[in-house]
Amino acid sequence: MTIFTNNIYEKSFTPYFATLAPKQFCHKHTMVRKPNRVSTFWRDSRTISMMRWVRRYVLLNTKLFHLGILVFAFGLEHFCKGTVYKIYKMKNYEVNKTT
């Protein structure tokens, strides 16, 4: 016998099998607000002011936002090129040593 008792508290009657059902099958749905998650990671005054500045001046000013993206892209390209060049020089060190 299947027990569908999820909804019995919303109905105005209690069926016979609900009185025999174990408690884990009877769910009384309530709307309760969950407690806030308290974290001290973002609660520092400097971090809050920095995030406020980012929201106010960078995200709302599209010129600064796109300039930041371009600077990040050029920096990433420079880092990748430098890494590839260093790996190439390390692998070919023995060849360059004889010349």
PDB file of N, CA and C in Angstrom:
ATOM      1  N   MET A   1       0.847  -1.178   0.000  1.00  0.00           N
ATOM      2  CA  MET A   1       0.000   0.000   0.000  1.00  0.00           C
ATOM      3  C   MET A   1       0.891   1.239   0.000  1.00  0.00           C
ATOM      4  N   THR A   2       0.681   2.084  -0.975  1.00  0.00           N
ATOM      5  CA  THR A   2       1.482   3.315  -1.041  1.00  0.00           C
ATOM      6  C   THR A   2       0.854   4.375  -0.144  1.00  0.00           C
ATOM      7  N   ILE A   3       1.721   5.143   0.438  1.00  0.00           N
ATOM      8  CA  ILE A   3       1.258   6.166   1.378  1.00  0.00           C
ATOM      9  C   ILE A   3       1.595   7.535   0.796  1.00  0.00           C
ATOM     10  N   PHE A   4       0.571   8.257   0.336  1.00  0.00           N
ATOM     11  CA  PHE A   4       0.750   9.616  -0.136  1.00  0.00           C
ATOM     12  C   PHE A   4       0.158  10.552   0.901  1.00  0.00           C
ATOM     13  N   THR A   5       0.930  10.909   1.883  1.00  0.00           N
ATOM     14  CA  THR A   5       0.405  11.740   2.966  1.00  0.00           C
ATOM     15  C   THR A   5       1.090  13.098   3.006  1.00  0.00           C
ATOM     16  N   ASN A   6       1.706  13.505   1.881  1.00  0.00           N
ATOM     17  CA  ASN A   6       2.398  14.789   1.893  1.00  0.00           C
ATOM     18  C   ASN A   6       1.433  15.943   2.133  1.00  0.00           C
ATOM     19  N   ASN A   7       0.208  15.777   1.703  1.00  0.00           N
ATOM     20  CA  ASN A   7      -0.709  16.896   1.643  1.00  0.00           C
ATOM     21  C   ASN A   7      -1.832  16.824   2.666  1.00  0.00           C
ATOM     22  N   ILE A   8      -1.734  15.960   3.678  1.00  0.00           N
ATOM     23  CA  ILE A   8      -2.908  15.731   4.527  1.00  0.00           C
ATOM     24  C   ILE A   8      -3.220  16.911   5.427  1.00  0.00           C
ATOM     25  N   TYR A   9      -2.224  17.738   5.746  1.00  0.00           N
ATOM     26  CA  TYR A   9      -2.505  18.867   6.630  1.00  0.00           C
ATOM     27  C   TYR A   9      -3.198  20.000   5.887  1.00  0.00           C
ATOM     28  N   GLU A  10      -3.087  20.014   4.561  1.00  0.00           N
ATOM     29  CA  GLU A  10      -3.792  21.045   3.813  1.00  0.00           C
ATOM     30  C   GLU A  10      -5.246  20.656   3.564  1.00  0.00           C
ATOM     31  N   LYS A  11      -5.586  19.396   3.760  1.00  0.00           N
ATOM     32  CA  LYS A  11      -6.960  18.948   3.573  1.00  0.00           C
ATOM     33  C   LYS A  11      -7.703  19.050   4.906  1.00  0.00           C
ATOM     34  N   SER A  12      -8.989  19.043   4.822  1.00  0.00           N
ATOM     35  CA  SER A  12      -9.784  19.209   6.045  1.00  0.00           C
ATOM     36  C   SER A  12     -10.107  17.867   6.686  1.00  0.00           C
ATOM     37  N   PHE A  13      -9.567  16.789   6.175  1.00  0.00           N
ATOM     38  CA  PHE A  13      -9.845  15.485   6.769  1.00  0.00           C
ATOM     39  C   PHE A  13      -8.539  14.709   6.882  1.00  0.00           C
ATOM     40  N   THR A  14      -8.547  13.710   7.708  1.00  0.00           N
ATOM     41  CA  THR A  14      -7.413  12.820   7.845  1.00  0.00           C
ATOM     42  C   THR A  14      -7.850  11.439   7.414  1.00  0.00           C
ATOM     43  N   PRO A  15      -7.271  10.913   6.331  1.00  0.00           N
ATOM     44  CA  PRO A  15      -7.672   9.575   5.904  1.00  0.00           C
ATOM     45  C   PRO A  15      -7.230   8.521   6.906  1.00  0.00           C
ATOM     46  N   TYR A  16      -7.805   7.349   6.756  1.00  0.00           N
ATOM     47  CA  TYR A  16      -7.537   6.267   7.703  1.00  0.00           C
ATOM     48  C   TYR A  16      -6.074   5.849   7.670  1.00  0.00           C
ATOM     49  N   PHE A  17      -5.467   5.779   6.465  1.00  0.00           N
ATOM     50  CA  PHE A  17      -4.087   5.320   6.393  1.00  0.00           C
ATOM     51  C   PHE A  17      -3.118   6.343   6.969  1.00  0.00           C
ATOM     52  N   ALA A  18      -3.539   7.624   7.063  1.00  0.00           N
ATOM     53  CA  ALA A  18      -2.650   8.633   7.630  1.00  0.00           C
ATOM     54  C   ALA A  18      -2.503   8.437   9.137  1.00  0.00           C
ATOM     55  N   THR A  19      -3.516   7.903   9.791  1.00  0.00           N
ATOM     56  CA  THR A  19      -3.383   7.647  11.226  1.00  0.00           C
ATOM     57  C   THR A  19      -2.457   6.475  11.483  1.00  0.00           C
ATOM     58  N   LEU A  20      -2.308   5.595  10.491  1.00  0.00           N
ATOM     59  CA  LEU A  20      -1.418   4.453  10.637  1.00  0.00           C
ATOM     60  C   LEU A  20      -0.001   4.727  10.105  1.00  0.00           C
ATOM     61  N   ALA A  21       0.171   5.847   9.418  1.00  0.00           N
ATOM     62  CA  ALA A  21       1.453   6.117   8.752  1.00  0.00           C
ATOM     63  C   ALA A  21       2.516   6.520   9.764  1.00  0.00           C
ATOM     64  N   PRO A  22       3.759   6.146   9.515  1.00  0.00           N
ATOM     65  CA  PRO A  22       4.843   6.635  10.370  1.00  0.00           C
ATOM     66  C   PRO A  22       5.016   8.136  10.215  1.00  0.00           C
ATOM     67  N   LYS A  23       5.660   8.755  11.186  1.00  0.00           N
ATOM     68  CA  LYS A  23       5.758  10.218  11.197  1.00  0.00           C
ATOM     69  C   LYS A  23       6.599  10.764  10.055  1.00  0.00           C
ATOM     70  N   GLN A  24       7.567   9.972   9.540  1.00  0.00           N
ATOM     71  CA  GLN A  24       8.412  10.516   8.478  1.00  0.00           C
ATOM     72  C   GLN A  24       7.660  10.648   7.159  1.00  0.00           C
ATOM     73  N   PHE A  25       6.467  10.022   7.027  1.00  0.00           N
ATOM     74  CA  PHE A  25       5.693  10.159   5.810  1.00  0.00           C
ATOM     75  C   PHE A  25       4.690  11.301   5.892  1.00  0.00           C
ATOM     76  N   CYS A  26       4.486  11.867   7.057  1.00  0.00           N
ATOM     77  CA  CYS A  26       3.545  12.964   7.226  1.00  0.00           C
ATOM     78  C   CYS A  26       4.326  14.261   7.302  1.00  0.00           C
ATOM     79  N   HIS A  27       4.180  15.126   6.293  1.00  0.00           N
ATOM     80  CA  HIS A  27       4.917  16.382   6.240  1.00  0.00           C
ATOM     81  C   HIS A  27       3.946  17.531   6.448  1.00  0.00           C
ATOM     82  N   LYS A  28       4.192  18.316   7.455  1.00  0.00           N
ATOM     83  CA  LYS A  28       3.413  19.530   7.647  1.00  0.00           C
ATOM     84  C   LYS A  28       4.245  20.677   7.090  1.00  0.00           C
ATOM     85  N   HIS A  29       3.787  21.250   5.993  1.00  0.00           N
ATOM     86  CA  HIS A  29       4.551  22.294   5.322  1.00  0.00           C
ATOM     87  C   HIS A  29       4.322  23.620   6.021  1.00  0.00           C
ATOM     88  N   THR A  30       5.380  24.258   6.401  1.00  0.00           N
ATOM     89  CA  THR A  30       5.292  25.579   7.009  1.00  0.00           C
ATOM     90  C   THR A  30       6.270  26.498   6.303  1.00  0.00           C
ATOM     91  N   MET A  31       5.893  27.747   6.199  1.00  0.00           N
ATOM     92  CA  MET A  31       6.763  28.759   5.606  1.00  0.00           C
ATOM     93  C   MET A  31       7.519  29.443   6.739  1.00  0.00           C
ATOM     94  N   VAL A  32       8.787  29.121   6.879  1.00  0.00           N
ATOM     95  CA  VAL A  32       9.606  29.684   7.950  1.00  0.00           C
ATOM     96  C   VAL A  32      10.840  30.283   7.317  1.00  0.00           C
ATOM     97  N   ARG A  33      11.195  31.475   7.748  1.00  0.00           N
ATOM     98  CA  ARG A  33      12.399  32.113   7.231  1.00  0.00           C
ATOM     99  C   ARG A  33      13.634  31.460   7.831  1.00  0.00           C
ATOM    100  N   LYS A  34      14.586  31.119   6.962  1.00  0.00           N
ATOM    101  CA  LYS A  34      15.811  30.507   7.440  1.00  0.00           C
ATOM    102  C   LYS A  34      16.694  31.567   8.072  1.00  0.00           C
ATOM    103  N   PRO A  35      17.483  31.197   9.073  1.00  0.00           N
ATOM    104  CA  PRO A  35      18.370  32.187   9.690  1.00  0.00           C
ATOM    105  C   PRO A  35      19.460  32.622   8.725  1.00  0.00           C
ATOM    106  N   ASN A  36      19.909  33.866   8.872  1.00  0.00           N
ATOM    107  CA  ASN A  36      20.942  34.408   8.001  1.00  0.00           C
ATOM    108  C   ASN A  36      22.268  33.701   8.239  1.00  0.00           C
ATOM    109  N   ARG A  37      23.006  33.513   7.168  1.00  0.00           N
ATOM    110  CA  ARG A  37      24.350  32.960   7.291  1.00  0.00           C
ATOM    111  C   ARG A  37      25.296  34.088   7.653  1.00  0.00           C
ATOM    112  N   VAL A  38      25.932  33.960   8.756  1.00  0.00           N
ATOM    113  CA  VAL A  38      26.818  35.015   9.236  1.00  0.00           C
ATOM    114  C   VAL A  38      28.246  34.612   8.903  1.00  0.00           C
ATOM    115  N   SER A  39      28.885  35.412   8.067  1.00  0.00           N
ATOM    116  CA  SER A  39      30.264  35.164   7.677  1.00  0.00           C
ATOM    117  C   SER A  39      31.057  36.437   7.919  1.00  0.00           C
ATOM    118  N   THR A  40      32.243  36.298   8.419  1.00  0.00           N
ATOM    119  CA  THR A  40      33.077  37.474   8.695  1.00  0.00           C
ATOM    120  C   THR A  40      34.010  37.782   7.541  1.00  0.00           C
ATOM    121  N   PHE A  41      33.920  37.014   6.432  1.00  0.00           N
ATOM    122  CA  PHE A  41      34.848  37.213   5.328  1.00  0.00           C
ATOM    123  C   PHE A  41      34.622  38.555   4.632  1.00  0.00           C
ATOM    124  N   TRP A  42      33.360  38.890   4.327  1.00  0.00           N
ATOM    125  CA  TRP A  42      33.055  40.136   3.628  1.00  0.00           C
ATOM    126  C   TRP A  42      32.643  41.249   4.586  1.00  0.00           C
ATOM    127  N   ARG A  43      32.732  41.041   5.878  1.00  0.00           N
ATOM    128  CA  ARG A  43      32.238  42.021   6.833  1.00  0.00           C
ATOM    129  C   ARG A  43      33.297  43.034   7.249  1.00  0.00           C
ATOM    130  N   ASP A  44      34.471  42.971   6.678  1.00  0.00           N
ATOM    131  CA  ASP A  44      35.518  43.937   6.995  1.00  0.00           C
ATOM    132  C   ASP A  44      35.147  45.281   6.378  1.00  0.00           C
ATOM    133  N   SER A  45      35.412  46.381   7.088  1.00  0.00           N
ATOM    134  CA  SER A  45      35.001  47.701   6.593  1.00  0.00           C
ATOM    135  C   SER A  45      35.751  48.071   5.315  1.00  0.00           C
ATOM    136  N   ARG A  46      37.015  47.669   5.191  1.00  0.00           N
ATOM    137  CA  ARG A  46      37.761  47.978   3.957  1.00  0.00           C
ATOM    138  C   ARG A  46      37.189  47.215   2.769  1.00  0.00           C
ATOM    139  N   THR A  47      36.824  45.957   2.976  1.00  0.00           N
ATOM    140  CA  THR A  47      36.258  45.159   1.889  1.00  0.00           C
ATOM    141  C   THR A  47      34.908  45.703   1.469  1.00  0.00           C
ATOM    142  N   ILE A  48      34.101  46.102   2.430  1.00  0.00           N
ATOM    143  CA  ILE A  48      32.789  46.654   2.107  1.00  0.00           C
ATOM    144  C   ILE A  48      32.937  47.956   1.327  1.00  0.00           C
ATOM    145  N   SER A  49      33.858  48.815   1.744  1.00  0.00           N
ATOM    146  CA  SER A  49      34.048  50.078   1.028  1.00  0.00           C
ATOM    147  C   SER A  49      34.617  49.839  -0.368  1.00  0.00           C
ATOM    148  N   MET A  50      35.515  48.840  -0.517  1.00  0.00           N
ATOM    149  CA  MET A  50      36.052  48.526  -1.835  1.00  0.00           C
ATOM    150  C   MET A  50      34.950  48.024  -2.763  1.00  0.00           C
ATOM    151  N   MET A  51      34.085  47.140  -2.261  1.00  0.00           N
ATOM    152  CA  MET A  51      33.000  46.626  -3.094  1.00  0.00           C
ATOM    153  C   MET A  51      31.997  47.731  -3.437  1.00  0.00           C
ATOM    154  N   ARG A  52      31.768  48.644  -2.514  1.00  0.00           N
ATOM    155  CA  ARG A  52      30.892  49.779  -2.796  1.00  0.00           C
ATOM    156  C   ARG A  52      31.486  50.648  -3.899  1.00  0.00           C
ATOM    157  N   TRP A  53      32.818  50.862  -3.851  1.00  0.00           N
ATOM    158  CA  TRP A  53      33.491  51.645  -4.888  1.00  0.00           C
ATOM    159  C   TRP A  53      33.409  50.937  -6.235  1.00  0.00           C
ATOM    160  N   VAL A  54      33.610  49.625  -6.239  1.00  0.00           N
ATOM    161  CA  VAL A  54      33.534  48.868  -7.491  1.00  0.00           C
ATOM    162  C   VAL A  54      32.133  48.978  -8.082  1.00  0.00           C
ATOM    163  N   ARG A  55      31.115  48.825  -7.250  1.00  0.00           N
ATOM    164  CA  ARG A  55      29.746  48.944  -7.752  1.00  0.00           C
ATOM    165  C   ARG A  55      29.461  50.347  -8.275  1.00  0.00           C
ATOM    166  N   ARG A  56      29.899  51.335  -7.540  1.00  0.00           N
ATOM    167  CA  ARG A  56      29.517  52.706  -7.855  1.00  0.00           C
ATOM    168  C   ARG A  56      30.280  53.251  -9.055  1.00  0.00           C
ATOM    169  N   TYR A  57      31.594  53.040  -9.126  1.00  0.00           N
ATOM    170  CA  TYR A  57      32.401  53.703 -10.134  1.00  0.00           C
ATOM    171  C   TYR A  57      32.817  52.810 -11.292  1.00  0.00           C
ATOM    172  N   VAL A  58      32.956  51.541 -11.078  1.00  0.00           N
ATOM    173  CA  VAL A  58      33.445  50.677 -12.155  1.00  0.00           C
ATOM    174  C   VAL A  58      32.296  50.050 -12.922  1.00  0.00           C
ATOM    175  N   LEU A  59      31.358  49.416 -12.218  1.00  0.00           N
ATOM    176  CA  LEU A  59      30.283  48.734 -12.917  1.00  0.00           C
ATOM    177  C   LEU A  59      29.299  49.707 -13.561  1.00  0.00           C
ATOM    178  N   LEU A  60      29.105  50.880 -12.960  1.00  0.00           N
ATOM    179  CA  LEU A  60      28.186  51.848 -13.545  1.00  0.00           C
ATOM    180  C   LEU A  60      28.861  52.707 -14.602  1.00  0.00           C
ATOM    181  N   ASN A  61      30.188  52.763 -14.611  1.00  0.00           N
ATOM    182  CA  ASN A  61      30.923  53.521 -15.615  1.00  0.00           C
ATOM    183  C   ASN A  61      31.493  52.523 -16.616  1.00  0.00           C
ATOM    184  N   THR A  62      30.894  52.437 -17.787  1.00  0.00           N
ATOM    185  CA  THR A  62      31.271  51.392 -18.736  1.00  0.00           C
ATOM    186  C   THR A  62      32.669  51.609 -19.291  1.00  0.00           C
ATOM    187  N   LYS A  63      33.148  52.858 -19.331  1.00  0.00           N
ATOM    188  CA  LYS A  63      34.497  53.099 -19.850  1.00  0.00           C
ATOM    189  C   LYS A  63      35.539  52.444 -18.946  1.00  0.00           C
ATOM    190  N   LEU A  64      35.398  52.615 -17.663  1.00  0.00           N
ATOM    191  CA  LEU A  64      36.336  51.976 -16.734  1.00  0.00           C
ATOM    192  C   LEU A  64      36.206  50.464 -16.776  1.00  0.00           C
ATOM    193  N   PHE A  65      34.994  49.969 -16.916  1.00  0.00           N
ATOM    194  CA  PHE A  65      34.769  48.526 -16.957  1.00  0.00           C
ATOM    195  C   PHE A  65      35.476  47.904 -18.154  1.00  0.00           C
ATOM    196  N   HIS A  66      35.282  48.504 -19.334  1.00  0.00           N
ATOM    197  CA  HIS A  66      35.908  47.958 -20.537  1.00  0.00           C
ATOM    198  C   HIS A  66      37.410  48.186 -20.530  1.00  0.00           C
ATOM    199  N   LEU A  67      37.866  49.288 -19.963  1.00  0.00           N
ATOM    200  CA  LEU A  67      39.307  49.496 -19.830  1.00  0.00           C
ATOM    201  C   LEU A  67      39.918  48.427 -18.929  1.00  0.00           C
ATOM    202  N   GLY A  68      39.230  48.080 -17.858  1.00  0.00           N
ATOM    203  CA  GLY A  68      39.720  47.019 -16.981  1.00  0.00           C
ATOM    204  C   GLY A  68      39.791  45.684 -17.694  1.00  0.00           C
ATOM    205  N   ILE A  69      38.795  45.392 -18.524  1.00  0.00           N
ATOM    206  CA  ILE A  69      38.819  44.139 -19.288  1.00  0.00           C
ATOM    207  C   ILE A  69      40.000  44.125 -20.257  1.00  0.00           C
ATOM    208  N   LEU A  70      40.243  45.246 -20.940  1.00  0.00           N
ATOM    209  CA  LEU A  70      41.369  45.309 -21.875  1.00  0.00           C
ATOM    210  C   LEU A  70      42.708  45.167 -21.164  1.00  0.00           C
ATOM    211  N   VAL A  71      42.866  45.838 -20.038  1.00  0.00           N
ATOM    212  CA  VAL A  71      44.119  45.732 -19.279  1.00  0.00           C
ATOM    213  C   VAL A  71      44.335  44.297 -18.808  1.00  0.00           C
ATOM    214  N   PHE A  72      43.276  43.663 -18.336  1.00  0.00           N
ATOM    215  CA  PHE A  72      43.389  42.265 -17.911  1.00  0.00           C
ATOM    216  C   PHE A  72      43.757  41.362 -19.089  1.00  0.00           C
ATOM    217  N   ALA A  73      43.155  41.593 -20.263  1.00  0.00           N
ATOM    218  CA  ALA A  73      43.458  40.760 -21.436  1.00  0.00           C
ATOM    219  C   ALA A  73      44.910  40.931 -21.871  1.00  0.00           C
ATOM    220  N   PHE A  74      45.399  42.179 -21.908  1.00  0.00           N
ATOM    221  CA  PHE A  74      46.800  42.397 -22.274  1.00  0.00           C
ATOM    222  C   PHE A  74      47.743  41.786 -21.243  1.00  0.00           C
ATOM    223  N   GLY A  75      47.402  41.909 -19.982  1.00  0.00           N
ATOM    224  CA  GLY A  75      48.241  41.306 -18.947  1.00  0.00           C
ATOM    225  C   GLY A  75      48.272  39.795 -19.045  1.00  0.00           C
ATOM    226  N   LEU A  76      47.129  39.186 -19.308  1.00  0.00           N
ATOM    227  CA  LEU A  76      47.080  37.737 -19.470  1.00  0.00           C
ATOM    228  C   LEU A  76      47.887  37.281 -20.680  1.00  0.00           C
ATOM    229  N   GLU A  77      47.787  38.043 -21.787  1.00  0.00           N
ATOM    230  CA  GLU A  77      48.565  37.702 -22.981  1.00  0.00           C
ATOM    231  C   GLU A  77      50.064  37.819 -22.704  1.00  0.00           C
ATOM    232  N   HIS A  78      50.469  38.868 -22.013  1.00  0.00           N
ATOM    233  CA  HIS A  78      51.883  39.053 -21.668  1.00  0.00           C
ATOM    234  C   HIS A  78      52.381  37.916 -20.768  1.00  0.00           C
ATOM    235  N   PHE A  79      51.570  37.516 -19.799  1.00  0.00           N
ATOM    236  CA  PHE A  79      51.948  36.422 -18.907  1.00  0.00           C
ATOM    237  C   PHE A  79      52.089  35.107 -19.673  1.00  0.00           C
ATOM    238  N   CYS A  80      51.140  34.828 -20.570  1.00  0.00           N
ATOM    239  CA  CYS A  80      51.194  33.571 -21.335  1.00  0.00           C
ATOM    240  C   CYS A  80      52.394  33.542 -22.264  1.00  0.00           C
ATOM    241  N   LYS A  81      52.659  34.664 -22.940  1.00  0.00           N
ATOM    242  CA  LYS A  81      53.828  34.719 -23.825  1.00  0.00           C
ATOM    243  C   LYS A  81      55.109  34.536 -23.035  1.00  0.00           C
ATOM    244  N   GLY A  82      55.207  35.208 -21.901  1.00  0.00           N
ATOM    245  CA  GLY A  82      56.400  35.068 -21.073  1.00  0.00           C
ATOM    246  C   GLY A  82      56.600  33.645 -20.594  1.00  0.00           C
ATOM    247  N   THR A  83      55.512  32.979 -20.219  1.00  0.00           N
ATOM    248  CA  THR A  83      55.609  31.591 -19.772  1.00  0.00           C
ATOM    249  C   THR A  83      56.073  30.675 -20.905  1.00  0.00           C
ATOM    250  N   VAL A  84      55.504  30.871 -22.099  1.00  0.00           N
ATOM    251  CA  VAL A  84      55.907  30.042 -23.243  1.00  0.00           C
ATOM    252  C   VAL A  84      57.370  30.285 -23.586  1.00  0.00           C
ATOM    253  N   TYR A  85      57.811  31.538 -23.574  1.00  0.00           N
ATOM    254  CA  TYR A  85      59.215  31.843 -23.884  1.00  0.00           C
ATOM    255  C   TYR A  85      60.156  31.232 -22.857  1.00  0.00           C
ATOM    256  N   LYS A  86      59.784  31.293 -21.578  1.00  0.00           N
ATOM    257  CA  LYS A  86      60.645  30.717 -20.538  1.00  0.00           C
ATOM    258  C   LYS A  86      60.753  29.201 -20.702  1.00  0.00           C
ATOM    259  N   ILE A  87      59.624  28.541 -20.991  1.00  0.00           N
ATOM    260  CA  ILE A  87      59.660  27.092 -21.190  1.00  0.00           C
ATOM    261  C   ILE A  87      60.516  26.750 -22.402  1.00  0.00           C
ATOM    262  N   TYR A  88      60.383  27.528 -23.478  1.00  0.00           N
ATOM    263  CA  TYR A  88      61.175  27.279 -24.689  1.00  0.00           C
ATOM    264  C   TYR A  88      62.665  27.451 -24.413  1.00  0.00           C
ATOM    265  N   LYS A  89      63.024  28.494 -23.685  1.00  0.00           N
ATOM    266  CA  LYS A  89      64.441  28.726 -23.372  1.00  0.00           C
ATOM    267  C   LYS A  89      64.991  27.639 -22.460  1.00  0.00           C
ATOM    268  N   MET A  90      64.190  27.180 -21.504  1.00  0.00           N
ATOM    269  CA  MET A  90      64.663  26.120 -20.613  1.00  0.00           C
ATOM    270  C   MET A  90      64.891  24.820 -21.372  1.00  0.00           C
ATOM    271  N   LYS A  91      64.005  24.509 -22.316  1.00  0.00           N
ATOM    272  CA  LYS A  91      64.162  23.248 -23.057  1.00  0.00           C
ATOM    273  C   LYS A  91      65.299  23.317 -24.062  1.00  0.00           C
ATOM    274  N   ASN A  92      65.607  24.490 -24.563  1.00  0.00           N
ATOM    275  CA  ASN A  92      66.654  24.635 -25.571  1.00  0.00           C
ATOM    276  C   ASN A  92      67.918  25.249 -25.001  1.00  0.00           C
ATOM    277  N   TYR A  93      68.094  25.142 -23.697  1.00  0.00           N
ATOM    278  CA  TYR A  93      69.281  25.728 -23.069  1.00  0.00           C
ATOM    279  C   TYR A  93      70.560  25.040 -23.536  1.00  0.00           C
ATOM    280  N   GLU A  94      70.498  23.713 -23.667  1.00  0.00           N
ATOM    281  CA  GLU A  94      71.683  22.965 -24.078  1.00  0.00           C
ATOM    282  C   GLU A  94      72.063  23.302 -25.515  1.00  0.00           C
ATOM    283  N   VAL A  95      71.092  23.541 -26.369  1.00  0.00           N
ATOM    284  CA  VAL A  95      71.397  23.855 -27.772  1.00  0.00           C
ATOM    285  C   VAL A  95      72.031  25.241 -27.861  1.00  0.00           C
ATOM    286  N   ASN A  96      71.491  26.210 -27.085  1.00  0.00           N
ATOM    287  CA  ASN A  96      72.023  27.566 -27.147  1.00  0.00           C
ATOM    288  C   ASN A  96      73.380  27.690 -26.489  1.00  0.00           C
ATOM    289  N   LYS A  97      73.734  26.762 -25.640  1.00  0.00           N
ATOM    290  CA  LYS A  97      74.997  26.841 -24.913  1.00  0.00           C
ATOM    291  C   LYS A  97      76.206  26.648 -25.830  1.00  0.00           C
ATOM    292  N   THR A  98      76.064  25.873 -26.903  1.00  0.00           N
ATOM    293  CA  THR A  98      77.182  25.578 -27.770  1.00  0.00           C
ATOM    294  C   THR A  98      77.451  26.695 -28.755  1.00  0.00           C
ATOM    295  N   THR A  99      76.486  27.568 -29.004  1.00  0.00           N
ATOM    296  CA  THR A  99      76.709  28.616 -29.998  1.00  0.00           C
ATOM    297  C   THR A  99      77.334  29.835 -29.422  1.00  0.00           C
TER     298      THR A  99
END
